[in-house]
C-alpha atoms as a PDB file:
ATOM      1  CA  MET A   1    -205.114  67.655  11.342  1.00  0.00           C
ATOM      2  CA  PRO A   2    -204.061  65.336   8.286  1.00  0.00           C
ATOM      3  CA  GLN A   3    -200.203  63.788   9.400  1.00  0.00           C
ATOM      4  CA  ARG A   4    -197.317  63.988   6.917  1.00  0.00           C
ATOM      5  CA  PRO A   5    -196.479  60.997   5.114  1.00  0.00           C
ATOM      6  CA  TYR A   6    -193.630  58.866   7.047  1.00  0.00           C
ATOM      7  CA  VAL A   7    -191.787  55.671   6.433  1.00  0.00           C
ATOM      8  CA  ILE A   8    -190.516  54.306   9.713  1.00  0.00           C
ATOM      9  CA  ASP A   9    -187.130  53.073  10.355  1.00  0.00           C
ATOM     10  CA  GLN A  10    -185.817  50.463  12.958  1.00  0.00           C
ATOM     11  CA  MET A  11    -183.634  51.602  15.173  1.00  0.00           C
ATOM     12  CA  ILE A  12    -184.030  48.798  18.158  1.00  0.00           C
ATOM     13  CA  SER A  13    -185.268  45.365  17.831  1.00  0.00           C
ATOM     14  CA  ALA A  14    -188.043  43.650  19.671  1.00  0.00           C
ATOM     15  CA  LYS A  15    -184.912  40.972  20.634  1.00  0.00           C
ATOM     16  CA  ALA A  16    -182.529  43.997  21.993  1.00  0.00           C
ATOM     17  CA  ILE A  17    -185.814  45.144  23.938  1.00  0.00           C
ATOM     18  CA  ALA A  18    -187.106  41.521  25.225  1.00  0.00           C
ATOM     19  CA  ALA A  19    -182.860  41.309  26.204  1.00  0.00           C
ATOM     20  CA  LYS A  20    -182.520  44.572  28.289  1.00  0.00           C
ATOM     21  CA  ILE A  21    -185.984  44.575  29.884  1.00  0.00           C
ATOM     22  CA  GLU A  22    -184.488  40.703  31.310  1.00  0.00           C
ATOM     23  CA  GLU A  23    -181.459  42.647  32.462  1.00  0.00           C
ATOM     24  CA  LEU A  24    -183.464  45.921  33.751  1.00  0.00           C
ATOM     25  CA  ALA A  25    -185.369  43.094  35.809  1.00  0.00           C
ATOM     26  CA  ARG A  26    -182.949  41.605  37.661  1.00  0.00           C
ATOM     27  CA  ARG A  27    -181.599  45.049  38.839  1.00  0.00           C
ATOM     28  CA  ILE A  28    -185.359  45.988  39.914  1.00  0.00           C
ATOM     29  CA  GLU A  29    -185.568  43.101  41.273  1.00  0.00           C
ATOM     30  CA  ALA A  30    -182.141  43.539  44.016  1.00  0.00           C
ATOM     31  CA  GLU A  31    -182.698  46.968  44.644  1.00  0.00           C
ATOM     32  CA  PHE A  32    -186.406  45.901  45.953  1.00  0.00           C
ATOM     33  CA  LYS A  33    -185.169  43.054  47.516  1.00  0.00           C
ATOM     34  CA  GLY A  34    -187.583  41.854  50.413  1.00  0.00           C
ATOM     35  CA  THR A  35    -190.430  44.381  49.845  1.00  0.00           C
ATOM     36  CA  ASP A  36    -193.327  43.009  50.829  1.00  0.00           C
ATOM     37  CA  LYS A  37    -195.393  44.107  47.481  1.00  0.00           C
ATOM     38  CA  LEU A  38    -193.654  46.315  45.048  1.00  0.00           C
ATOM     39  CA  VAL A  39    -196.476  48.625  43.378  1.00  0.00           C
ATOM     40  CA  VAL A  40    -196.036  49.205  39.856  1.00  0.00           C
ATOM     41  CA  ILE A  41    -196.936  52.622  37.932  1.00  0.00           C
ATOM     42  CA  GLY A  42    -197.676  52.901  34.469  1.00  0.00           C
ATOM     43  CA  LEU A  43    -197.551  55.901  32.907  1.00  0.00           C
ATOM     44  CA  LEU A  44    -200.168  55.547  30.190  1.00  0.00           C
ATOM     45  CA  ARG A  45    -200.173  55.178  27.309  1.00  0.00           C
ATOM     46  CA  GLY A  46    -196.756  54.640  26.233  1.00  0.00           C
ATOM     47  CA  SER A  47    -195.634  52.551  28.292  1.00  0.00           C
ATOM     48  CA  PHE A  48    -198.094  49.943  27.998  1.00  0.00           C
ATOM     49  CA  VAL A  49    -196.238  47.317  26.566  1.00  0.00           C
ATOM     50  CA  PHE A  50    -192.568  47.880  28.321  1.00  0.00           C
ATOM     51  CA  ILE A  51    -195.024  47.778  31.704  1.00  0.00           C
ATOM     52  CA  ALA A  52    -196.479  44.046  30.899  1.00  0.00           C
ATOM     53  CA  ASP A  53    -193.588  42.271  29.595  1.00  0.00           C
ATOM     54  CA  LEU A  54    -191.323  44.457  32.821  1.00  0.00           C
ATOM     55  CA  VAL A  55    -193.818  43.086  34.825  1.00  0.00           C
ATOM     56  CA  ARG A  56    -193.567  39.292  33.703  1.00  0.00           C
ATOM     57  CA  GLU A  57    -189.998  39.097  33.973  1.00  0.00           C
ATOM     58  CA  MET A  58    -189.804  40.392  37.593  1.00  0.00           C
ATOM     59  CA  ASP A  59    -189.554  37.704  40.280  1.00  0.00           C
ATOM     60  CA  LEU A  60    -190.820  40.191  43.437  1.00  0.00           C
ATOM     61  CA  PRO A  61    -194.927  40.687  44.370  1.00  0.00           C
ATOM     62  CA  LEU A  62    -196.212  43.555  43.015  1.00  0.00           C
ATOM     63  CA  GLU A  63    -199.470  45.232  41.961  1.00  0.00           C
ATOM     64  CA  VAL A  64    -199.763  47.596  39.057  1.00  0.00           C
ATOM     65  CA  ASP A  65    -201.832  50.996  38.857  1.00  0.00           C
ATOM     66  CA  PHE A  66    -201.813  53.805  36.202  1.00  0.00           C
ATOM     67  CA  ILE A  67    -201.359  57.437  35.986  1.00  0.00           C
ATOM     68  CA  GLU A  68    -202.542  59.189  32.122  1.00  0.00           C
ATOM     69  CA  ALA A  69    -200.510  61.746  32.086  1.00  0.00           C
ATOM     70  CA  SER A  70    -200.266  64.453  29.167  1.00  0.00           C
ATOM     71  CA  SER A  71    -198.035  67.282  27.701  1.00  0.00           C
ATOM     72  CA  TYR A  72    -198.143  66.507  24.304  1.00  0.00           C
ATOM     73  CA  GLY A  73    -201.820  65.491  23.382  1.00  0.00           C
ATOM     74  CA  ASP A  74    -200.962  64.598  18.878  1.00  0.00           C
ATOM     75  CA  ALA A  75    -198.261  66.563  18.663  1.00  0.00           C
ATOM     76  CA  MET A  76    -194.493  66.043  18.235  1.00  0.00           C
ATOM     77  CA  GLU A  77    -193.474  68.464  20.828  1.00  0.00           C
ATOM     78  CA  SER A  78    -194.107  68.582  24.277  1.00  0.00           C
ATOM     79  CA  SER A  79    -196.112  71.342  25.426  1.00  0.00           C
ATOM     80  CA  LYS A  80    -194.826  71.494  29.111  1.00  0.00           C
ATOM     81  CA  GLU A  81    -197.995  71.803  30.175  1.00  0.00           C
ATOM     82  CA  VAL A  82    -198.323  68.299  32.259  1.00  0.00           C
ATOM     83  CA  ARG A  83    -201.914  67.463  33.287  1.00  0.00           C
ATOM     84  CA  ILE A  84    -203.052  64.500  35.268  1.00  0.00           C
ATOM     85  CA  LEU A  85    -205.924  62.527  33.288  1.00  0.00           C
ATOM     86  CA  LYS A  86    -205.993  59.851  35.103  1.00  0.00           C
ATOM     87  CA  ASP A  87    -205.029  59.136  38.785  1.00  0.00           C
ATOM     88  CA  LEU A  88    -203.945  55.894  41.049  1.00  0.00           C
ATOM     89  CA  ARG A  89    -206.671  53.847  42.437  1.00  0.00           C
ATOM     90  CA  GLY A  90    -204.322  52.525  44.966  1.00  0.00           C
ATOM     91  CA  GLU A  91    -202.284  53.997  48.034  1.00  0.00           C
ATOM     92  CA  ILE A  92    -198.916  54.185  48.223  1.00  0.00           C
ATOM     93  CA  HIS A  93    -198.228  55.919  51.581  1.00  0.00           C
ATOM     94  CA  GLY A  94    -195.312  53.971  52.935  1.00  0.00           C
ATOM     95  CA  ARG A  95    -195.062  51.427  50.202  1.00  0.00           C
ATOM     96  CA  ASP A  96    -192.146  50.982  47.984  1.00  0.00           C
ATOM     97  CA  VAL A  97    -193.098  52.104  44.349  1.00  0.00           C
ATOM     98  CA  LEU A  98    -191.687  51.835  40.512  1.00  0.00           C
ATOM     99  CA  VAL A  99    -192.457  54.287  38.353  1.00  0.00           C
ATOM    100  CA  VAL A 100    -192.242  53.136  34.203  1.00  0.00           C
ATOM    101  CA  GLU A 101    -192.232  55.323  31.895  1.00  0.00           C
ATOM    102  CA  ASP A 102    -191.649  54.969  27.717  1.00  0.00           C
ATOM    103  CA  ILE A 103    -189.328  57.851  27.089  1.00  0.00           C
ATOM    104  CA  VAL A 104    -188.154  60.781  28.781  1.00  0.00           C
ATOM    105  CA  ASP A 105    -187.676  63.587  26.568  1.00  0.00           C
ATOM    106  CA  THR A 106    -187.770  67.062  28.233  1.00  0.00           C
ATOM    107  CA  GLY A 107    -188.662  65.850  31.768  1.00  0.00           C
ATOM    108  CA  PHE A 108    -191.621  67.614  32.377  1.00  0.00           C
ATOM    109  CA  THR A 109    -193.589  64.318  32.897  1.00  0.00           C
ATOM    110  CA  LEU A 110    -192.441  62.245  34.955  1.00  0.00           C
ATOM    111  CA  HIS A 111    -190.644  65.364  37.096  1.00  0.00           C
ATOM    112  CA  HIS A 112    -194.485  66.544  37.511  1.00  0.00           C
ATOM    113  CA  VAL A 113    -195.345  62.715  38.081  1.00  0.00           C
ATOM    114  CA  ILE A 114    -192.696  62.041  40.535  1.00  0.00           C
ATOM    115  CA  HIS A 115    -193.414  65.500  42.349  1.00  0.00           C
ATOM    116  CA  MET A 116    -197.093  64.603  42.852  1.00  0.00           C
ATOM    117  CA  LEU A 117    -196.352  61.283  43.909  1.00  0.00           C
ATOM    118  CA  LYS A 118    -193.452  62.115  47.061  1.00  0.00           C
ATOM    119  CA  ALA A 119    -196.108  64.099  48.497  1.00  0.00           C
ATOM    120  CA  ARG A 120    -197.592  60.811  48.925  1.00  0.00           C
ATOM    121  CA  GLU A 121    -194.913  59.905  51.128  1.00  0.00           C
ATOM    122  CA  PRO A 122    -193.723  56.482  49.509  1.00  0.00           C
ATOM    123  CA  ALA A 123    -191.147  54.014  51.735  1.00  0.00           C
ATOM    124  CA  LYS A 124    -188.712  54.108  48.638  1.00  0.00           C
ATOM    125  CA  LEU A 125    -190.238  55.724  45.223  1.00  0.00           C
ATOM    126  CA  ARG A 126    -187.940  54.713  41.968  1.00  0.00           C
ATOM    127  CA  THR A 127    -188.331  55.501  38.070  1.00  0.00           C
ATOM    128  CA  ILE A 128    -187.627  53.481  35.236  1.00  0.00           C
ATOM    129  CA  ALA A 129    -187.828  54.557  31.457  1.00  0.00           C
ATOM    130  CA  LEU A 130    -187.338  52.368  28.795  1.00  0.00           C
ATOM    131  CA  LEU A 131    -185.792  54.874  26.298  1.00  0.00           C
ATOM    132  CA  ASP A 132    -183.583  58.769  27.215  1.00  0.00           C
ATOM    133  CA  LYS A 133    -183.362  61.137  25.265  1.00  0.00           C
ATOM    134  CA  PRO A 134    -180.436  63.254  27.545  1.00  0.00           C
ATOM    135  CA  SER A 135    -179.938  65.905  24.845  1.00  0.00           C
ATOM    136  CA  ARG A 136    -183.493  67.136  24.719  1.00  0.00           C
ATOM    137  CA  ARG A 137    -183.506  67.578  28.811  1.00  0.00           C
ATOM    138  CA  GLU A 138    -184.817  70.945  29.812  1.00  0.00           C
ATOM    139  CA  VAL A 139    -185.505  69.846  33.408  1.00  0.00           C
ATOM    140  CA  ASP A 140    -183.116  68.164  35.876  1.00  0.00           C
ATOM    141  CA  PHE A 141    -184.325  64.350  36.050  1.00  0.00           C
ATOM    142  CA  ALA A 142    -182.705  61.372  35.680  1.00  0.00           C
ATOM    143  CA  ALA A 143    -184.986  58.087  35.850  1.00  0.00           C
ATOM    144  CA  ASP A 144    -182.989  55.228  37.998  1.00  0.00           C
ATOM    145  CA  PHE A 145    -182.970  52.525  35.677  1.00  0.00           C
ATOM    146  CA  ILE A 146    -182.593  53.172  32.015  1.00  0.00           C
ATOM    147  CA  GLY A 147    -183.339  50.869  29.199  1.00  0.00           C
ATOM    148  CA  PHE A 148    -181.606  52.711  26.057  1.00  0.00           C
ATOM    149  CA  ASP A 149    -180.172  56.456  25.519  1.00  0.00           C
ATOM    150  CA  ILE A 150    -181.384  57.264  22.074  1.00  0.00           C
ATOM    151  CA  PRO A 151    -180.485  60.439  20.090  1.00  0.00           C
ATOM    152  CA  ASP A 152    -183.076  63.389  19.683  1.00  0.00           C
ATOM    153  CA  GLU A 153    -185.380  61.451  17.262  1.00  0.00           C
ATOM    154  CA  PHE A 154    -189.127  60.901  16.631  1.00  0.00           C
ATOM    155  CA  VAL A 155    -189.493  57.456  17.607  1.00  0.00           C
ATOM    156  CA  VAL A 156    -192.484  55.137  17.674  1.00  0.00           C
ATOM    157  CA  GLY A 157    -193.126  51.849  18.246  1.00  0.00           C
ATOM    158  CA  TYR A 158    -193.007  49.364  21.504  1.00  0.00           C
ATOM    159  CA  GLY A 159    -196.089  51.271  22.510  1.00  0.00           C
ATOM    160  CA  ILE A 160    -194.955  54.859  21.444  1.00  0.00           C
ATOM    161  CA  ASP A 161    -197.125  56.889  19.222  1.00  0.00           C
ATOM    162  CA  TYR A 162    -197.507  59.074  16.984  1.00  0.00           C
ATOM    163  CA  ALA A 163    -201.143  60.614  16.969  1.00  0.00           C
ATOM    164  CA  GLN A 164    -202.369  57.273  18.023  1.00  0.00           C
ATOM    165  CA  ARG A 165    -200.612  55.553  15.679  1.00  0.00           C
ATOM    166  CA  ASN A 166    -197.833  52.486  15.686  1.00  0.00           C
ATOM    167  CA  ARG A 167    -198.087  51.126  19.700  1.00  0.00           C
ATOM    168  CA  ASP A 168    -198.529  47.827  17.909  1.00  0.00           C
ATOM    169  CA  LEU A 169    -194.640  47.827  16.361  1.00  0.00           C
ATOM    170  CA  PRO A 170    -192.284  45.159  18.320  1.00  0.00           C
ATOM    171  CA  PHE A 171    -189.716  46.875  18.152  1.00  0.00           C
ATOM    172  CA  ILE A 172    -188.676  50.975  17.961  1.00  0.00           C
ATOM    173  CA  GLY A 173    -188.151  52.972  14.870  1.00  0.00           C
ATOM    174  CA  LYS A 174    -187.359  56.150  14.069  1.00  0.00           C
ATOM    175  CA  VAL A 175    -190.086  58.384  11.935  1.00  0.00           C
ATOM    176  CA  ARG A 176    -188.577  59.697   8.796  1.00  0.00           C
ATOM    177  CA  PHE A 177    -190.953  62.074   7.458  1.00  0.00           C
ATOM    178  CA  THR A 178    -190.999  61.968   3.317  1.00  0.00           C
ATOM    179  CA  GLU A 179    -192.280  64.194   0.380  1.00  0.00           C
ATOM    180  CA  GLU A 180    -195.823  63.755  -0.703  1.00  0.00           C
ATOM    181  CA  ALA A 181    -195.996  61.809  -3.985  1.00  0.00           C
END
């Protein structure tokens, strides 16, 4: 499927993201103070840049694992059907867990994943999202830690893609579609 031509307008700078990650890391350290090992679970693929920067900033004993869940594919709108493409490698029963998401939009993906993980009986389960679009929420879900609330815009960068492009941008940008020349 050919993509429509677009440009990207910066919304959140790399510097603002770095400062927010430092702040979030301090809050997470306080929440999980005394843990023997925090299991940090990234939701692939969009969270990989965020999780890498976040875990480097935290001063906690931790391990990293990943779940790949999809409700978008290459589309701009959620299908509302969440599929688990890759499950955890490790066990979380009785362990402290932090689930890291790039963006909470409709809430379907994170709601589904959290329901699945709660059934595995972690000691403590918290969620963090770099971006939150509360105006788009279709399920009753709120992450425990939020980096930035954003308006209902289609965004890319800092790990977030549009049809597997633009993940490499160091900032969060708004996609603006243009007319073909």
